[in-house]
Amino acid sequence: MFSKYFNKLYSLCSSIPFDTLILIVWGSFAAIFVIAFTACLIKPAFKAASKRPFLCLANAYSALTLAAFLTANELAPSLIAAALFWCAGYLLYGVLCMFKRTVKEAPAAQIALSSLPAIPAVQPSKAARTEITPAKNSVRLEHAISVTDKLLCKNLGKSDRQELEKLKNTLAVLQMKGTLSPTESDILNDNFNALLKLMAKYNV
């Protein structure tokens, strides 16, 4: 049964003139690229979005190119044509990847965490670091954990989600301790910096 349908499909494709078939395949791919390129120029959301779907599309169209060429050519020239198209598709993918997310959200992220008492970048002495009260630590940690919960609701990348879950677990452990040692205060500071970067990246 399946072979019958495939034979009909092959006959249909073979009945289309070769030039017309290639024009349809390559023309539609070019149209998709122009739309994606224009969207990246106009819409910041498209500019920041992952370009991997276009890469998958380039691979699929390479297979279509091979199939189209096989309807009128031998295997060797068809493979060469598909390989050339595949290389061209990767070059166009590289063009789209040039649109990178501009990190303009950093000031907003810093404002969002402005309620957290600042931890000095360079602490003058060990005694000064131990003066941070458990109550202040609790306020900062509670706010930071609520921010991690908001971030976990976002569509995060796999590595970012793993990093955020690890960060949340670390903050939860520090919150249970109450009074932090100087070393633990440094760890807390590093986690806040990592959280700021993730907030800026996902505009939270």
C-alpha atoms as a PDB file:
ATOM      1  CA  MET A   1       0.000   0.000   0.000  1.00  0.00           C
ATOM      2  CA  PHE A   2       2.715   2.431   0.968  1.00  0.00           C
ATOM      3  CA  SER A   3       4.741   1.711  -2.153  1.00  0.00           C
ATOM      4  CA  LYS A   4       1.700   2.574  -4.247  1.00  0.00           C
ATOM      5  CA  TYR A   5       1.382   5.994  -2.638  1.00  0.00           C
ATOM      6  CA  PHE A   6       5.106   6.653  -2.914  1.00  0.00           C
ATOM      7  CA  ASN A   7       5.036   5.719  -6.585  1.00  0.00           C
ATOM      8  CA  LYS A   8       2.198   8.161  -7.158  1.00  0.00           C
ATOM      9  CA  LEU A   9       4.115  10.870  -5.301  1.00  0.00           C
ATOM     10  CA  TYR A  10       7.231  10.171  -7.343  1.00  0.00           C
ATOM     11  CA  SER A  11       5.256  10.272 -10.580  1.00  0.00           C
ATOM     12  CA  LEU A  12       3.733  13.585  -9.554  1.00  0.00           C
ATOM     13  CA  CYS A  13       7.127  15.126  -8.776  1.00  0.00           C
ATOM     14  CA  SER A  14       8.629  13.707 -11.966  1.00  0.00           C
ATOM     15  CA  SER A  15       5.844  15.223 -14.031  1.00  0.00           C
ATOM     16  CA  ILE A  16       6.836  18.716 -12.900  1.00  0.00           C
ATOM     17  CA  PRO A  17       9.539  20.261 -15.109  1.00  0.00           C
ATOM     18  CA  PHE A  18      12.923  20.107 -13.398  1.00  0.00           C
ATOM     19  CA  ASP A  19      13.523  23.870 -13.532  1.00  0.00           C
ATOM     20  CA  THR A  20      10.103  24.530 -12.050  1.00  0.00           C
ATOM     21  CA  LEU A  21      10.683  22.006  -9.267  1.00  0.00           C
ATOM     22  CA  ILE A  22      14.035  23.549  -8.298  1.00  0.00           C
ATOM     23  CA  LEU A  23      12.509  27.021  -8.462  1.00  0.00           C
ATOM     24  CA  ILE A  24       9.788  25.943  -6.018  1.00  0.00           C
ATOM     25  CA  VAL A  25      12.254  24.359  -3.557  1.00  0.00           C
ATOM     26  CA  TRP A  26      14.914  27.058  -3.644  1.00  0.00           C
ATOM     27  CA  GLY A  27      12.438  29.903  -4.023  1.00  0.00           C
ATOM     28  CA  SER A  28      10.480  28.901  -0.924  1.00  0.00           C
ATOM     29  CA  PHE A  29      13.689  28.553   1.084  1.00  0.00           C
ATOM     30  CA  ALA A  30      14.870  31.991  -0.061  1.00  0.00           C
ATOM     31  CA  ALA A  31      11.487  33.467   0.870  1.00  0.00           C
ATOM     32  CA  ILE A  32      11.719  31.966   4.370  1.00  0.00           C
ATOM     33  CA  PHE A  33      15.209  33.424   4.803  1.00  0.00           C
ATOM     34  CA  VAL A  34      14.076  36.897   3.679  1.00  0.00           C
ATOM     35  CA  ILE A  35      11.141  36.767   6.122  1.00  0.00           C
ATOM     36  CA  ALA A  36      13.394  35.650   8.991  1.00  0.00           C
ATOM     37  CA  PHE A  37      16.023  38.281   8.149  1.00  0.00           C
ATOM     38  CA  THR A  38      13.423  41.044   7.978  1.00  0.00           C
ATOM     39  CA  ALA A  39      11.846  39.912  11.245  1.00  0.00           C
ATOM     40  CA  CYS A  40      15.251  40.059  12.966  1.00  0.00           C
ATOM     41  CA  LEU A  41      15.734  43.605  11.709  1.00  0.00           C
ATOM     42  CA  ILE A  42      12.314  44.793  12.857  1.00  0.00           C
ATOM     43  CA  LYS A  43      11.371  42.730  15.917  1.00  0.00           C
ATOM     44  CA  PRO A  44      13.733  42.495  18.939  1.00  0.00           C
ATOM     45  CA  ALA A  45      11.975  39.276  19.979  1.00  0.00           C
ATOM     46  CA  PHE A  46      13.001  37.575  16.731  1.00  0.00           C
ATOM     47  CA  LYS A  47      16.496  39.018  17.068  1.00  0.00           C
ATOM     48  CA  ALA A  48      16.872  37.420  20.498  1.00  0.00           C
ATOM     49  CA  ALA A  49      15.205  34.118  19.554  1.00  0.00           C
ATOM     50  CA  SER A  50      17.112  30.929  18.802  1.00  0.00           C
ATOM     51  CA  LYS A  51      18.020  30.464  15.127  1.00  0.00           C
ATOM     52  CA  ARG A  52      18.236  26.662  15.354  1.00  0.00           C
ATOM     53  CA  PRO A  53      14.813  26.123  13.681  1.00  0.00           C
ATOM     54  CA  PHE A  54      16.230  27.751  10.541  1.00  0.00           C
ATOM     55  CA  LEU A  55      19.207  25.372  10.718  1.00  0.00           C
ATOM     56  CA  CYS A  56      16.846  22.389  10.865  1.00  0.00           C
ATOM     57  CA  LEU A  57      14.957  23.866   7.927  1.00  0.00           C
ATOM     58  CA  ALA A  58      18.206  24.146   5.940  1.00  0.00           C
ATOM     59  CA  ASN A  59      18.877  20.434   6.552  1.00  0.00           C
ATOM     60  CA  ALA A  60      15.351  19.527   5.416  1.00  0.00           C
ATOM     61  CA  TYR A  61      15.640  21.628   2.262  1.00  0.00           C
ATOM     62  CA  SER A  62      18.987  19.990   1.480  1.00  0.00           C
ATOM     63  CA  ALA A  63      17.160  16.663   1.427  1.00  0.00           C
ATOM     64  CA  LEU A  64      14.465  18.180  -0.821  1.00  0.00           C
ATOM     65  CA  THR A  65      17.167  19.468  -3.154  1.00  0.00           C
ATOM     66  CA  LEU A  66      18.668  15.998  -3.395  1.00  0.00           C
ATOM     67  CA  ALA A  67      15.272  14.468  -4.133  1.00  0.00           C
ATOM     68  CA  ALA A  68      14.478  17.118  -6.747  1.00  0.00           C
ATOM     69  CA  PHE A  69      17.794  16.620  -8.541  1.00  0.00           C
ATOM     70  CA  LEU A  70      17.378  12.840  -8.534  1.00  0.00           C
ATOM     71  CA  THR A  71      14.222  13.213 -10.622  1.00  0.00           C
ATOM     72  CA  ALA A  72      16.324  14.388 -13.592  1.00  0.00           C
ATOM     73  CA  ASN A  73      19.990  13.629 -12.787  1.00  0.00           C
ATOM     74  CA  GLU A  74      22.324  10.869 -11.714  1.00  0.00           C
ATOM     75  CA  LEU A  75      23.237  10.298  -8.070  1.00  0.00           C
ATOM     76  CA  ALA A  76      26.689  11.957  -8.129  1.00  0.00           C
ATOM     77  CA  PRO A  77      25.632  15.395  -9.460  1.00  0.00           C
ATOM     78  CA  SER A  78      22.551  15.280  -7.238  1.00  0.00           C
ATOM     79  CA  LEU A  79      24.715  14.746  -4.143  1.00  0.00           C
ATOM     80  CA  ILE A  80      26.998  17.615  -5.167  1.00  0.00           C
ATOM     81  CA  ALA A  81      24.017  19.939  -5.639  1.00  0.00           C
ATOM     82  CA  ALA A  82      22.587  18.962  -2.243  1.00  0.00           C
ATOM     83  CA  ALA A  83      25.972  19.494  -0.555  1.00  0.00           C
ATOM     84  CA  LEU A  84      26.354  22.941  -2.132  1.00  0.00           C
ATOM     85  CA  PHE A  85      22.852  23.895  -1.039  1.00  0.00           C
ATOM     86  CA  TRP A  86      23.583  22.615   2.476  1.00  0.00           C
ATOM     87  CA  CYS A  87      26.700  24.830   2.664  1.00  0.00           C
ATOM     88  CA  ALA A  88      24.707  27.825   1.423  1.00  0.00           C
ATOM     89  CA  GLY A  89      22.036  27.113   4.050  1.00  0.00           C
ATOM     90  CA  TYR A  90      24.642  27.084   6.813  1.00  0.00           C
ATOM     91  CA  LEU A  91      26.047  30.397   5.574  1.00  0.00           C
ATOM     92  CA  LEU A  92      22.580  31.944   5.729  1.00  0.00           C
ATOM     93  CA  TYR A  93      22.160  30.459   9.214  1.00  0.00           C
ATOM     94  CA  GLY A  94      25.397  32.207  10.185  1.00  0.00           C
ATOM     95  CA  VAL A  95      23.997  35.491   8.868  1.00  0.00           C
ATOM     96  CA  LEU A  96      20.933  35.136  11.103  1.00  0.00           C
ATOM     97  CA  CYS A  97      23.139  34.261  14.077  1.00  0.00           C
ATOM     98  CA  MET A  98      24.849  37.642  13.692  1.00  0.00           C
ATOM     99  CA  PHE A  99      21.728  39.118  15.265  1.00  0.00           C
ATOM    100  CA  LYS A 100      22.555  38.744  18.917  1.00  0.00           C
ATOM    101  CA  ARG A 101      20.621  39.832  21.914  1.00  0.00           C
ATOM    102  CA  THR A 102      21.727  43.233  23.116  1.00  0.00           C
ATOM    103  CA  VAL A 103      21.834  43.173  26.879  1.00  0.00           C
ATOM    104  CA  LYS A 104      19.850  46.308  27.648  1.00  0.00           C
ATOM    105  CA  GLU A 105      17.958  44.676  30.474  1.00  0.00           C
ATOM    106  CA  ALA A 106      20.852  44.819  32.944  1.00  0.00           C
ATOM    107  CA  PRO A 107      19.821  48.179  34.496  1.00  0.00           C
ATOM    108  CA  ALA A 108      16.258  46.898  34.926  1.00  0.00           C
ATOM    109  CA  ALA A 109      17.550  43.744  36.568  1.00  0.00           C
ATOM    110  CA  GLN A 110      19.684  45.767  38.944  1.00  0.00           C
ATOM    111  CA  ILE A 111      16.656  47.892  39.844  1.00  0.00           C
ATOM    112  CA  ALA A 112      14.628  44.750  40.481  1.00  0.00           C
ATOM    113  CA  LEU A 113      17.209  43.601  43.021  1.00  0.00           C
ATOM    114  CA  SER A 114      17.763  47.066  44.465  1.00  0.00           C
ATOM    115  CA  SER A 115      15.774  46.054  47.533  1.00  0.00           C
ATOM    116  CA  LEU A 116      18.518  43.566  48.376  1.00  0.00           C
ATOM    117  CA  PRO A 117      21.099  45.017  50.756  1.00  0.00           C
ATOM    118  CA  ALA A 118      24.296  45.355  48.785  1.00  0.00           C
ATOM    119  CA  ILE A 119      27.230  43.100  49.612  1.00  0.00           C
ATOM    120  CA  PRO A 120      30.523  45.006  49.335  1.00  0.00           C
ATOM    121  CA  ALA A 121      32.652  43.854  46.425  1.00  0.00           C
ATOM    122  CA  VAL A 122      35.765  44.149  48.579  1.00  0.00           C
ATOM    123  CA  GLN A 123      35.183  43.569  52.273  1.00  0.00           C
ATOM    124  CA  PRO A 124      37.780  45.345  54.417  1.00  0.00           C
ATOM    125  CA  SER A 125      38.097  42.707  57.066  1.00  0.00           C
ATOM    126  CA  LYS A 126      36.809  39.376  58.260  1.00  0.00           C
ATOM    127  CA  ALA A 127      35.134  41.076  61.213  1.00  0.00           C
ATOM    128  CA  ALA A 128      33.175  43.405  58.952  1.00  0.00           C
ATOM    129  CA  ARG A 129      31.856  40.448  56.973  1.00  0.00           C
ATOM    130  CA  THR A 130      30.622  38.648  60.066  1.00  0.00           C
ATOM    131  CA  GLU A 131      28.572  41.714  61.107  1.00  0.00           C
ATOM    132  CA  ILE A 132      25.868  40.889  58.550  1.00  0.00           C
ATOM    133  CA  THR A 133      22.872  39.864  60.633  1.00  0.00           C
ATOM    134  CA  PRO A 134      20.793  36.744  59.977  1.00  0.00           C
ATOM    135  CA  ALA A 135      17.722  38.962  59.516  1.00  0.00           C
ATOM    136  CA  LYS A 136      19.334  40.840  56.599  1.00  0.00           C
ATOM    137  CA  ASN A 137      20.498  37.583  55.068  1.00  0.00           C
ATOM    138  CA  SER A 138      16.961  36.219  55.345  1.00  0.00           C
ATOM    139  CA  VAL A 139      15.508  39.239  53.519  1.00  0.00           C
ATOM    140  CA  ARG A 140      18.008  38.989  50.682  1.00  0.00           C
ATOM    141  CA  LEU A 141      17.682  35.231  50.342  1.00  0.00           C
ATOM    142  CA  GLU A 142      13.889  35.254  50.441  1.00  0.00           C
ATOM    143  CA  HIS A 143      13.761  37.855  47.663  1.00  0.00           C
ATOM    144  CA  ALA A 144      16.399  36.056  45.586  1.00  0.00           C
ATOM    145  CA  ILE A 145      14.561  32.715  45.873  1.00  0.00           C
ATOM    146  CA  SER A 146      11.319  34.348  44.723  1.00  0.00           C
ATOM    147  CA  VAL A 147      13.205  35.707  41.691  1.00  0.00           C
ATOM    148  CA  THR A 148      14.506  32.209  40.885  1.00  0.00           C
ATOM    149  CA  ASP A 149      10.919  30.911  40.979  1.00  0.00           C
ATOM    150  CA  LYS A 150       9.911  33.556  38.424  1.00  0.00           C
ATOM    151  CA  LEU A 151      12.841  32.643  36.207  1.00  0.00           C
ATOM    152  CA  LEU A 152      12.005  28.928  36.376  1.00  0.00           C
ATOM    153  CA  CYS A 153       8.607  29.756  34.855  1.00  0.00           C
ATOM    154  CA  LYS A 154      10.369  31.154  31.784  1.00  0.00           C
ATOM    155  CA  ASN A 155      11.307  29.177  28.688  1.00  0.00           C
ATOM    156  CA  LEU A 156      14.922  28.653  29.740  1.00  0.00           C
ATOM    157  CA  GLY A 157      17.734  26.912  27.930  1.00  0.00           C
ATOM    158  CA  LYS A 158      18.730  23.545  29.342  1.00  0.00           C
ATOM    159  CA  SER A 159      22.054  24.757  30.782  1.00  0.00           C
ATOM    160  CA  ASP A 160      20.458  27.917  32.232  1.00  0.00           C
ATOM    161  CA  ARG A 161      17.696  25.882  33.888  1.00  0.00           C
ATOM    162  CA  GLN A 162      20.241  23.511  35.441  1.00  0.00           C
ATOM    163  CA  GLU A 163      22.322  26.442  36.676  1.00  0.00           C
ATOM    164  CA  LEU A 164      19.235  28.169  38.104  1.00  0.00           C
ATOM    165  CA  GLU A 165      18.050  25.037  39.933  1.00  0.00           C
ATOM    166  CA  LYS A 166      21.516  24.576  41.425  1.00  0.00           C
ATOM    167  CA  LEU A 167      21.554  28.249  42.418  1.00  0.00           C
ATOM    168  CA  LYS A 168      18.129  27.952  44.072  1.00  0.00           C
ATOM    169  CA  ASN A 169      19.238  24.911  46.078  1.00  0.00           C
ATOM    170  CA  THR A 170      22.335  26.780  47.255  1.00  0.00           C
ATOM    171  CA  LEU A 171      20.246  29.786  48.323  1.00  0.00           C
ATOM    172  CA  ALA A 172      17.830  27.502  50.194  1.00  0.00           C
ATOM    173  CA  VAL A 173      20.707  25.889  52.115  1.00  0.00           C
ATOM    174  CA  LEU A 174      22.165  29.298  53.013  1.00  0.00           C
ATOM    175  CA  GLN A 175      18.720  30.506  54.113  1.00  0.00           C
ATOM    176  CA  MET A 176      18.377  27.607  56.551  1.00  0.00           C
ATOM    177  CA  LYS A 177      21.779  28.337  58.108  1.00  0.00           C
ATOM    178  CA  GLY A 178      20.807  31.824  59.225  1.00  0.00           C
ATOM    179  CA  THR A 179      24.190  33.190  60.314  1.00  0.00           C
ATOM    180  CA  LEU A 180      26.730  32.937  57.508  1.00  0.00           C
ATOM    181  CA  SER A 181      30.472  32.625  57.757  1.00  0.00           C
ATOM    182  CA  PRO A 182      32.702  34.937  55.659  1.00  0.00           C
ATOM    183  CA  THR A 183      33.186  32.132  53.114  1.00  0.00           C
ATOM    184  CA  GLU A 184      29.440  31.542  52.883  1.00  0.00           C
ATOM    185  CA  SER A 185      28.889  35.286  52.460  1.00  0.00           C
ATOM    186  CA  ASP A 186      31.246  35.178  49.469  1.00  0.00           C
ATOM    187  CA  ILE A 187      29.259  32.264  48.033  1.00  0.00           C
ATOM    188  CA  LEU A 188      26.059  34.255  48.534  1.00  0.00           C
ATOM    189  CA  ASN A 189      27.596  37.217  46.704  1.00  0.00           C
ATOM    190  CA  ASP A 190      28.607  35.014  43.758  1.00  0.00           C
ATOM    191  CA  ASN A 191      25.097  33.574  43.558  1.00  0.00           C
ATOM    192  CA  PHE A 192      23.557  37.042  43.492  1.00  0.00           C
ATOM    193  CA  ASN A 193      25.854  37.997  40.608  1.00  0.00           C
ATOM    194  CA  ALA A 194      24.847  34.857  38.683  1.00  0.00           C
ATOM    195  CA  LEU A 195      21.179  35.621  39.360  1.00  0.00           C
ATOM    196  CA  LEU A 196      21.589  39.166  38.039  1.00  0.00           C
ATOM    197  CA  LYS A 197      23.018  37.823  34.776  1.00  0.00           C
ATOM    198  CA  LEU A 198      20.106  35.403  34.313  1.00  0.00           C
ATOM    199  CA  MET A 199      17.585  38.162  35.079  1.00  0.00           C
ATOM    200  CA  ALA A 200      19.192  40.371  32.462  1.00  0.00           C
ATOM    201  CA  LYS A 201      19.235  37.549  29.919  1.00  0.00           C
ATOM    202  CA  TYR A 202      15.538  36.664  30.349  1.00  0.00           C
ATOM    203  CA  ASN A 203      14.283  40.184  31.080  1.00  0.00           C
ATOM    204  CA  VAL A 204      12.849  39.498  34.537  1.00  0.00           C
END
